[in-house]
Amino acid sequence: MSKNKTLSAAKSAKNDEFYTQYADIQKEINAYLDYNPDTFRGKTVLLPCDDPEWSKFTRFFAENFERLGLKKLISTSYAAASKKFKTPYQPSLFESESPQFDAAKTEVRGKIFVLDHDTNANGRIDLDDLEWHYLEGDGDFRSEEVCRLRDEADVIVTNPPFSLFREFLAWILEGKCLTQGRRGAEGVLAAKNAKQFLIIGNMNAVSYTEVFPHIQGNTIWLGATGFATDMVFAVPRGTQVSPADKAKAERLGYVGDYTRLGNSCWFTNMEHGRRHQPLQLMTMADNIRYSRHKELRENGFYYKYENYPAIEIPFTDAIPSDYDGIMAVPRSFLDKYCPEQFEIVGIAEGESGKELGLKAVPKELKKLNKSLRDGQLYYMKDGYPEKPFARILIRARRGK
């Protein structure tokens, strides 16, 4: 089973119950603190689409409340009865042993947890000071009461439902500038005024028409953790997990109801220093002679596309340092993208490719390769038309 199969299954079954692990949250947050120790100081952090009793997000921010200098932490959960992916429900001991436990509300109401002061008078603010109550509704992030919490917050951090990623991002970028079709320059301008956020999604989301213009416009970028880094998630008991993913989670030290999602990454508009580290690259001649990629050395050249003035770059580390034209690179390039080193010209997929001016594919070539579509790049290899997978077009910045 491929790395994307689990995510695809989650979308079809509406299984959005993937709980991020403490170590992955800590690793990501520390990158922002390394860049600016005051990243979260004096701010209200909202953790929506969360389950505070199980989520490591709530635990991390509560345990580090004073170190981060938070003003307030708010965490909300989604009611069990409203979830499309049904699992046996039983309230946690934390909830059932609380004075405010209500058997009539536990399955149909969301819950809100708030941390903003020392409730037990032990001289510090931490996990033991969390206070909670039931929400009026089921905790859907689109509900009026959760929208009010969004408006109160300075920073939104969570692992949103995979099946609702587009809608959730639009919800963050207040005014729903994405879902209302405000893309391009207008949408990017609106996103500049958005709240700060740090959320987990599928790497495939970079090509969404609702997302890519913001990446190109430098108002959204990938987080500090590389997408090639396997992230392990806890899943509800009984969730179908592929043997390969389960084995990989076990090798990483997670035994039980866990899976790994190798194509997951963080999306953010918060600064971390790693995105300003330029790639160390070789010249085109040196790449052809010394590249660690055998196919590039054996070819002895870079393919030129037939329907667009760009060259094919099959690997990010094979980008030539001395090429001034447009280059088509894999999506994994965004993991290493330094906006001071490169500019993003566009993405060569579907309608976006057509807007870039990619020439139509001749009918005789479509017969040779039935996967070819207009709006996609293609080059000729030994008389046969080939198309790369999901290419982003970039150009080096020279003296800018």
Protein backbone atom coordinates (compact mmCIF):
# COMPACT_ATOMS: atom_id res chain seq x y z
CA MET A 1 0.00 0.00 0.00
CA SER A 2 1.43 3.41 -0.98
CA LYS A 3 2.03 6.25 1.47
CA ASN A 4 -1.07 8.06 0.24
CA LYS A 5 -3.46 5.10 0.53
CA THR A 6 -4.23 5.73 4.21
CA LEU A 7 -5.06 9.37 3.55
CA SER A 8 -7.20 8.43 0.55
CA ALA A 9 -9.06 5.90 2.66
CA ALA A 10 -9.59 8.54 5.32
CA LYS A 11 -11.20 10.83 2.77
CA SER A 12 -13.55 8.18 1.41
CA ALA A 13 -14.55 6.87 4.84
CA LYS A 14 -14.51 10.33 6.45
CA ASN A 15 -12.11 8.95 9.04
CA ASP A 16 -10.48 12.12 10.29
CA GLU A 17 -9.40 10.68 13.63
CA PHE A 18 -5.62 11.00 13.44
CA TYR A 19 -3.99 12.18 16.66
CA THR A 20 -0.61 13.89 16.35
CA GLN A 21 2.15 12.74 18.65
CA TYR A 22 3.81 14.90 21.29
CA ALA A 23 7.31 14.51 19.83
CA ASP A 24 6.19 15.74 16.38
CA ILE A 25 4.48 18.79 17.89
CA GLN A 26 7.48 19.59 20.06
CA LYS A 27 9.91 19.26 17.16
CA GLU A 28 7.88 21.62 14.97
CA ILE A 29 7.19 24.24 17.65
CA ASN A 30 10.83 24.33 18.71
CA ALA A 31 11.85 25.43 15.22
CA TYR A 32 9.76 28.60 15.58
CA LEU A 33 11.12 29.25 19.06
CA ASP A 34 14.68 28.85 17.76
CA TYR A 35 13.91 31.56 15.21
CA ASN A 36 12.05 33.79 17.69
CA PRO A 37 11.73 32.81 21.37
CA ASP A 38 8.76 35.20 21.69
CA THR A 39 6.73 33.60 18.88
CA PHE A 40 3.83 32.78 21.23
CA ARG A 41 4.45 35.27 24.02
CA GLY A 42 1.36 37.16 25.15
CA LYS A 43 -0.85 35.38 22.63
CA THR A 44 -4.10 33.44 22.78
CA VAL A 45 -3.71 30.04 21.11
CA LEU A 46 -6.75 28.15 19.81
CA LEU A 47 -6.65 24.40 19.22
CA PRO A 48 -9.89 23.66 17.31
CA CYS A 49 -10.86 20.32 15.76
CA ASP A 50 -9.14 18.82 18.76
CA ASP A 51 -10.01 16.26 21.40
CA PRO A 52 -8.37 17.68 24.52
CA GLU A 53 -8.64 14.42 26.45
CA TRP A 54 -6.62 12.52 23.87
CA SER A 55 -4.83 15.19 21.88
CA LYS A 56 -1.16 15.87 22.49
CA PHE A 57 -1.63 19.43 21.24
CA THR A 58 -3.49 20.40 24.38
CA ARG A 59 -0.98 18.62 26.60
CA PHE A 60 2.01 20.25 24.91
CA PHE A 61 0.72 23.81 25.09
CA ALA A 62 -0.61 23.37 28.62
CA GLU A 63 2.63 21.89 29.92
CA ASN A 64 4.63 24.65 28.22
CA PHE A 65 2.21 27.49 28.98
CA GLU A 66 4.68 29.54 31.02
CA ARG A 67 7.74 28.72 28.90
CA LEU A 68 5.91 29.93 25.79
CA GLY A 69 4.58 32.96 27.64
CA LEU A 70 0.98 32.33 26.57
CA LYS A 71 -1.82 34.65 27.53
CA LYS A 72 -4.53 32.02 27.08
CA LEU A 73 -5.02 28.50 25.72
CA ILE A 74 -8.36 27.37 24.27
CA SER A 75 -9.03 23.84 23.04
CA THR A 76 -12.28 22.46 21.62
CA SER A 77 -13.52 18.99 20.72
CA TYR A 78 -16.10 17.67 18.29
CA ALA A 79 -19.06 15.66 19.61
CA ALA A 80 -18.84 11.91 19.11
CA ALA A 81 -22.40 11.69 17.76
CA SER A 82 -21.58 14.15 14.96
CA LYS A 83 -18.59 12.24 13.61
CA LYS A 84 -19.19 10.40 10.35
CA PHE A 85 -16.59 7.77 11.17
CA LYS A 86 -18.25 5.90 14.03
CA THR A 87 -16.32 4.12 16.75
CA PRO A 88 -17.55 2.75 20.10
CA TYR A 89 -17.93 5.70 22.44
CA GLN A 90 -17.16 5.85 26.12
CA PRO A 91 -16.45 9.06 28.03
CA SER A 92 -12.98 9.31 29.48
CA LEU A 93 -12.43 9.07 33.21
CA PHE A 94 -11.35 12.70 33.12
CA GLU A 95 -14.82 13.69 31.97
CA SER A 96 -16.97 11.12 33.76
CA GLU A 97 -15.37 11.84 37.15
CA SER A 98 -15.76 15.62 36.80
CA PRO A 99 -18.54 17.38 38.74
CA GLN A 100 -19.91 18.90 35.52
CA PHE A 101 -20.27 15.54 33.74
CA ASP A 102 -23.64 15.24 32.04
CA ALA A 103 -24.60 11.89 30.50
CA ALA A 104 -27.19 13.60 28.28
CA LYS A 105 -24.59 15.94 26.78
CA THR A 106 -21.44 13.85 26.58
CA GLU A 107 -22.06 12.40 23.10
CA VAL A 108 -23.90 15.31 21.45
CA ARG A 109 -22.01 18.36 22.70
CA GLY A 110 -18.49 19.45 21.99
CA LYS A 111 -16.30 20.52 24.89
CA ILE A 112 -14.11 23.54 25.50
CA PHE A 113 -11.00 23.56 27.67
CA VAL A 114 -9.52 26.87 28.82
CA LEU A 115 -6.22 27.62 30.54
CA ASP A 116 -5.38 31.18 31.55
CA HIS A 117 -4.64 31.27 35.30
CA ASP A 118 -3.41 29.28 38.28
CA THR A 119 -6.55 27.53 39.52
CA ASN A 120 -4.97 25.34 42.22
CA ALA A 121 -2.75 28.03 43.77
CA ASN A 122 0.47 26.04 43.36
CA GLY A 123 2.33 29.01 41.89
CA ARG A 124 2.38 27.95 38.25
CA ILE A 125 0.03 27.58 35.29
CA ASP A 126 0.07 24.14 33.73
CA LEU A 127 -2.01 21.14 32.66
CA ASP A 128 -3.58 20.76 36.11
CA ASP A 129 -5.20 24.20 35.77
CA LEU A 130 -7.32 23.37 32.71
CA GLU A 131 -11.00 24.16 33.15
CA TRP A 132 -13.70 22.77 30.89
CA HIS A 133 -17.40 22.82 30.13
CA TYR A 134 -19.75 21.64 27.37
CA LEU A 135 -20.27 23.80 24.33
CA GLU A 136 -23.77 24.75 23.25
CA GLY A 137 -23.31 22.87 19.98
CA ASP A 138 -21.32 19.91 18.70
CA GLY A 139 -18.03 21.80 18.37
CA ASP A 140 -17.97 22.02 14.56
CA PHE A 141 -15.30 24.59 13.68
CA ARG A 142 -17.83 26.31 11.39
CA SER A 143 -20.31 26.90 14.22
CA GLU A 144 -20.93 30.41 15.48
CA GLU A 145 -19.49 29.73 18.93
CA VAL A 146 -16.23 28.26 17.58
CA CYS A 147 -16.00 31.13 15.06
CA ARG A 148 -16.11 33.51 18.02
CA LEU A 149 -13.19 31.62 19.54
CA ARG A 150 -11.32 31.91 16.24
CA ASP A 151 -11.89 35.66 16.28
CA GLU A 152 -10.54 35.85 19.83
CA ALA A 153 -7.39 33.87 19.07
CA ASP A 154 -4.05 35.17 17.84
CA VAL A 155 -2.72 31.79 16.69
CA ILE A 156 -4.54 28.66 15.48
CA VAL A 157 -2.72 25.34 15.79
CA THR A 158 -4.22 21.92 15.04
CA ASN A 159 -4.42 18.81 12.91
CA PRO A 160 -7.70 19.56 11.06
CA PRO A 161 -9.94 16.95 9.41
CA PHE A 162 -8.12 15.71 6.31
CA SER A 163 -11.36 15.62 4.35
CA LEU A 164 -12.07 19.29 5.15
CA PHE A 165 -8.61 20.79 4.66
CA ARG A 166 -9.67 23.30 1.98
CA GLU A 167 -12.64 24.48 4.01
CA PHE A 168 -10.65 24.67 7.23
CA LEU A 169 -7.95 26.80 5.64
CA ALA A 170 -10.61 29.10 4.22
CA TRP A 171 -12.12 29.35 7.71
CA ILE A 172 -8.77 30.48 9.09
CA LEU A 173 -8.27 33.04 6.34
CA GLU A 174 -11.20 35.02 7.65
CA GLY A 175 -13.89 36.07 5.21
CA LYS A 176 -13.60 32.73 3.41
CA CYS A 177 -11.53 34.37 0.69
CA LEU A 178 -10.65 30.97 -0.75
CA THR A 179 -14.08 29.33 -0.98
CA GLN A 180 -15.62 32.49 -2.44
CA GLY A 181 -13.24 32.33 -5.36
CA ARG A 182 -10.99 35.17 -4.29
CA ARG A 183 -7.79 33.75 -5.63
CA GLY A 184 -4.77 35.17 -7.35
CA ALA A 185 -3.64 38.65 -6.25
CA GLU A 186 -6.89 39.44 -4.44
CA GLY A 187 -6.82 36.22 -2.41
CA VAL A 188 -3.12 36.64 -1.57
CA LEU A 189 -3.77 40.18 -0.35
CA ALA A 190 -6.57 38.93 1.90
CA ALA A 191 -4.33 36.17 3.27
CA LYS A 192 -1.71 38.71 4.36
CA ASN A 193 -4.14 39.87 7.02
CA ALA A 194 -5.00 36.35 8.20
CA LYS A 195 -4.39 35.10 11.70
CA GLN A 196 -1.24 33.17 12.36
CA PHE A 197 -1.68 29.44 12.01
CA LEU A 198 0.17 26.14 12.05
CA ILE A 199 -1.79 23.14 10.74
CA ILE A 200 -1.10 19.66 9.42
CA GLY A 201 -2.19 18.57 5.95
CA ASN A 202 -1.36 16.33 3.03
CA MET A 203 1.54 17.40 0.80
CA ASN A 204 -0.84 17.03 -2.16
CA ALA A 205 -2.64 20.13 -0.89
CA VAL A 206 0.10 22.36 -2.29
CA SER A 207 -1.41 21.87 -5.75
CA TYR A 208 -4.97 22.79 -4.73
CA THR A 209 -6.22 25.84 -6.58
CA GLU A 210 -7.31 27.19 -3.19
CA VAL A 211 -3.81 26.81 -1.75
CA PHE A 212 -1.11 27.19 -4.39
CA PRO A 213 -1.66 30.93 -5.12
CA HIS A 214 -0.86 31.60 -1.45
CA ILE A 215 2.30 29.53 -1.63
CA GLN A 216 3.31 31.33 -4.79
CA GLY A 217 2.45 34.68 -3.20
CA ASN A 218 4.54 33.83 -0.12
CA THR A 219 1.63 34.19 2.32
CA ILE A 220 1.59 30.46 3.16
CA TRP A 221 4.55 28.11 3.27
CA LEU A 222 5.54 24.70 4.56
CA GLY A 223 6.53 24.23 8.17
CA ALA A 224 9.93 23.31 9.52
CA THR A 225 9.45 19.51 9.52
CA GLY A 226 10.19 18.07 6.10
CA PHE A 227 7.31 16.26 4.41
CA ALA A 228 9.56 13.27 3.83
CA THR A 229 9.79 12.85 7.60
CA ASP A 230 7.38 10.13 8.67
CA MET A 231 4.80 11.35 11.15
CA VAL A 232 3.05 8.83 13.37
CA PHE A 233 -0.58 9.29 14.39
CA ALA A 234 -2.72 7.51 16.93
CA VAL A 235 -6.02 6.20 15.53
CA PRO A 236 -9.23 4.94 17.17
CA ARG A 237 -9.19 1.30 18.19
CA GLY A 238 -10.31 -0.88 15.32
CA THR A 239 -9.21 1.52 12.56
CA GLN A 240 -7.86 -0.34 9.53
CA VAL A 241 -4.12 0.28 9.23
CA SER A 242 -1.93 -1.20 6.51
CA PRO A 243 0.65 -3.72 7.78
CA ALA A 244 3.48 -1.63 6.29
CA ASP A 245 2.37 1.55 8.05
CA LYS A 246 1.81 -0.29 11.31
CA ALA A 247 5.26 -1.87 11.08
CA LYS A 248 6.87 1.49 10.39
CA ALA A 249 5.11 3.01 13.42
CA GLU A 250 6.37 0.14 15.55
CA ARG A 251 9.93 0.65 14.32
CA LEU A 252 9.60 4.25 15.46
CA GLY A 253 8.54 3.05 18.91
CA TYR A 254 4.73 3.27 18.63
CA VAL A 255 3.04 -0.06 19.33
CA GLY A 256 -0.73 -0.42 19.21
CA ASP A 257 -3.31 1.73 17.44
CA TYR A 258 -0.94 3.88 15.40
CA THR A 259 -0.23 4.55 11.75
CA ARG A 260 2.34 6.58 9.89
CA LEU A 261 1.45 9.07 7.17
CA GLY A 262 4.58 9.66 5.15
CA ASN A 263 3.07 12.39 2.99
CA SER A 264 2.00 14.69 5.83
CA CYS A 265 3.44 18.13 6.42
CA TRP A 266 2.80 21.38 8.26
CA PHE A 267 1.34 24.48 6.58
CA THR A 268 1.86 27.86 8.19
CA ASN A 269 2.24 31.62 7.83
CA MET A 270 4.56 31.81 10.84
CA GLU A 271 8.25 32.46 10.37
CA HIS A 272 10.86 29.80 11.00
CA GLY A 273 14.48 30.28 10.05
CA ARG A 274 14.79 27.08 8.05
CA ARG A 275 12.84 28.50 5.12
CA HIS A 276 15.48 31.20 4.66
CA GLN A 277 18.38 28.76 4.28
CA PRO A 278 19.43 28.70 0.59
CA LEU A 279 20.09 25.40 -1.12
CA GLN A 280 23.73 24.54 -1.77
CA LEU A 281 23.79 23.59 -5.45
CA MET A 282 26.22 22.55 -8.15
CA THR A 283 26.49 24.06 -11.63
CA MET A 284 24.75 22.36 -14.53
CA ALA A 285 28.04 20.92 -15.80
CA ASP A 286 28.98 19.55 -12.40
CA ASN A 287 25.52 18.04 -11.91
CA ILE A 288 25.85 16.18 -15.19
CA ARG A 289 29.30 14.90 -14.20
CA TYR A 290 28.98 14.30 -10.48
CA SER A 291 25.30 14.03 -9.58
CA ARG A 292 24.49 11.20 -7.17
CA HIS A 293 21.56 10.40 -9.47
CA LYS A 294 22.67 7.81 -12.00
CA GLU A 295 20.03 8.68 -14.61
CA LEU A 296 21.19 12.31 -14.80
CA ARG A 297 24.82 11.31 -15.22
CA GLU A 298 23.95 8.75 -17.89
CA ASN A 299 21.75 11.19 -19.83
CA GLY A 300 24.45 13.83 -19.85
CA PHE A 301 21.86 16.62 -20.24
CA TYR A 302 18.62 18.07 -18.85
CA TYR A 303 15.45 17.43 -20.87
CA LYS A 304 13.77 20.47 -22.42
CA TYR A 305 9.99 20.55 -22.55
CA GLU A 306 8.24 20.57 -25.90
CA ASN A 307 5.31 22.76 -24.87
CA TYR A 308 6.91 25.29 -22.50
CA PRO A 309 10.30 27.04 -22.31
CA ALA A 310 11.58 25.20 -19.24
CA ILE A 311 13.91 22.33 -18.38
CA GLU A 312 13.07 19.21 -16.39
CA ILE A 313 14.65 18.93 -12.94
CA PRO A 314 13.91 15.42 -11.65
CA PHE A 315 15.42 15.99 -8.19
CA THR A 316 15.62 19.07 -6.00
CA ASP A 317 19.35 18.62 -5.37
CA ALA A 318 19.89 18.56 -9.15
CA ILE A 319 18.81 22.19 -9.62
CA PRO A 320 21.73 23.86 -11.45
CA SER A 321 23.09 26.92 -9.68
CA ASP A 322 23.98 28.71 -12.92
CA TYR A 323 20.74 28.35 -14.92
CA ASP A 324 18.71 31.53 -15.40
CA GLY A 325 15.70 30.12 -17.21
CA ILE A 326 12.54 28.48 -15.90
CA MET A 327 12.94 25.08 -14.24
CA ALA A 328 10.26 22.46 -13.51
CA VAL A 329 10.94 20.91 -10.11
CA PRO A 330 9.17 18.26 -7.97
CA ARG A 331 6.71 19.40 -5.29
CA SER A 332 9.24 18.21 -2.72
CA PHE A 333 11.22 21.34 -3.66
CA LEU A 334 8.89 23.33 -1.39
CA ASP A 335 10.50 21.58 1.57
CA LYS A 336 13.73 23.42 0.69
CA TYR A 337 12.26 26.55 -0.86
CA CYS A 338 14.07 29.75 0.07
CA PRO A 339 12.11 32.78 -1.23
CA GLU A 340 15.29 34.86 -1.36
CA GLN A 341 16.91 32.30 -3.68
CA PHE A 342 14.03 31.41 -6.03
CA GLU A 343 10.74 32.77 -7.25
CA ILE A 344 7.79 30.50 -8.00
CA VAL A 345 6.48 31.05 -11.52
CA GLY A 346 3.50 28.68 -11.37
CA ILE A 347 2.35 25.09 -11.25
CA ALA A 348 1.98 22.92 -14.34
CA GLU A 349 -1.27 21.10 -13.64
CA GLY A 350 -4.62 21.31 -15.41
CA GLU A 351 -6.14 24.78 -15.70
CA SER A 352 -3.14 26.34 -13.95
CA GLY A 353 -0.91 24.92 -16.67
CA LYS A 354 -3.15 26.29 -19.39
CA GLU A 355 -3.06 29.73 -17.75
CA LEU A 356 0.74 29.59 -17.89
CA GLY A 357 0.52 29.13 -21.65
CA LEU A 358 1.49 25.48 -22.00
CA LYS A 359 0.87 24.51 -25.59
CA ALA A 360 -1.71 21.86 -26.33
CA VAL A 361 -0.47 18.31 -26.82
CA PRO A 362 -0.70 17.17 -30.48
CA LYS A 363 -3.18 14.38 -31.07
CA GLU A 364 -0.54 12.02 -32.45
CA LEU A 365 1.45 12.31 -29.22
CA LYS A 366 -1.66 11.69 -27.10
CA LYS A 367 -2.04 8.43 -28.99
CA LEU A 368 1.48 7.44 -28.01
CA ASN A 369 0.94 8.35 -24.36
CA LYS A 370 -2.71 8.30 -23.37
CA SER A 371 -1.97 9.87 -19.99
CA LEU A 372 -0.98 13.17 -21.62
CA ARG A 373 -3.41 16.04 -21.01
CA ASP A 374 -3.46 19.66 -22.07
CA GLY A 375 -2.09 21.87 -19.34
CA GLN A 376 0.67 19.37 -18.49
CA LEU A 377 4.35 19.52 -19.32
CA TYR A 378 5.88 16.89 -21.58
CA TYR A 379 9.25 16.17 -23.14
CA MET A 380 10.42 13.71 -25.77
CA LYS A 381 12.54 10.72 -24.80
CA ASP A 382 13.70 8.47 -27.62
CA GLY A 383 10.74 9.56 -29.73
CA TYR A 384 8.22 8.94 -26.96
CA PRO A 385 6.40 11.75 -25.11
CA GLU A 386 6.80 11.64 -21.34
CA LYS A 387 5.28 13.78 -18.64
CA PRO A 388 6.70 14.28 -15.17
CA PHE A 389 4.63 14.06 -12.03
CA ALA A 390 3.37 17.32 -10.49
CA ARG A 391 5.91 19.96 -11.40
CA ILE A 392 6.30 23.46 -9.94
CA LEU A 393 7.94 26.08 -12.13
CA ILE A 394 10.66 28.20 -10.56
CA ARG A 395 13.33 30.69 -11.56
CA ALA A 396 16.47 31.78 -9.73
CA ARG A 397 16.58 35.29 -8.27
CA ARG A 398 19.62 37.14 -9.49
CA GLY A 399 20.57 40.29 -7.64
CA LYS A 400 17.03 40.84 -6.28
